[in-house]
Amino acid sequence: MSTSFIIATIGRETLRSTLRHIIHADNYSDILPEVVVVLDADNEVGESVFHDAQQEFSSHKNIKFLESRGDRGGARNKAIDASTGGVLVFLGDDIYIQKDYLARLNAWHKTHPGKNHALLGYTPWTKELMGDSFHQWLLDSVQFDYKNLNKGDVPDYRHFYTSNVSVKRELLGDERFSDAFTGWGFEDSELGRRLQKCGMTLHYERDLVAEHDHKQNYQSFISRTKESRINAQILEKLHPELRIAPRGVRKILLIIAIIVATILSPLSQKIRWWRDWKAAWLCG
């Protein structure tokens, strides 16, 4: 089954490294996968990086470069429509697959040929970022749910992380990312929800590793949390059966937890991070 990588980019400097890791990965079939890169940025820096990548990889006929003006969802939709693979791998423009990634990916889909089987890989920070306590906290507590998945929790639509996830084209069909979302958060979960309703079974493979090279800072994290709060409300409107944002007893308990965390905040920086994160999530 042929493979296509779907990469929406805002022209991060990491884009070329992302593509180099794909090219230099081990592939037991010796056939490089198709890669479709779509620029969704509207700034000079992003366009410059994008065009530099085009020039560097111009000899690689398996890599397509397209441009879009909209959002990440729209860019991914354009890449999906331009791709030809039977397996679509959604990857970030700051994600570096490991040497054995393609071999593991191809082997897994070969042993799970049914259209409903989708695969989530593990996306830790790069080794440099993993040495920072803030990034460790984000990985274990906030950005992804790998801590619980590694303990055996079964993934569902909430874990449809487009930083490192693959799905059969046959299952995706005419489904595409919604254009209802702005900013950061939940546009991938929303597609995951629709795919789950179509029968998707999402599996998690801890050894399918792709490292995340995106240095975070506290202020941008809080800003993105506020954006995700808004997008959570959009998700609930699209899927009224879901209750993502805190309300009722859950909201009261969260307020109490924030108050307790405020009292305990002098004891730990992680407690302060948690308090501010939950306060941003509560208030939007």
Foldseek 3Di string as FASTA:
>chain_A
DAEEEQEEDQQDLLQLVQVVLQVQADAPVPDRGAYEYEHQHDDDNSVVSLVVSCVVCVVPPSYHYYYDHADRQVRSVVSLVVDDGQKYWQAYSQKHWHRCQNVVVVVVCVVVVDQQEKEFEDEQAPPVQCVDPVSVCCRPPNVAPVVVVVVPDFDALVRQDSNTMMGGCVLCPPPGFDRPADADADSSSLSRVVSVVSPHRYGYDHPRYMYGHDDDDLVVLLVRLLSHLVVVVVSCVVPVVDDDQDDDPRLVVLVVLLVVLVVCVVVDVSSVSVSSSSVSNNVD
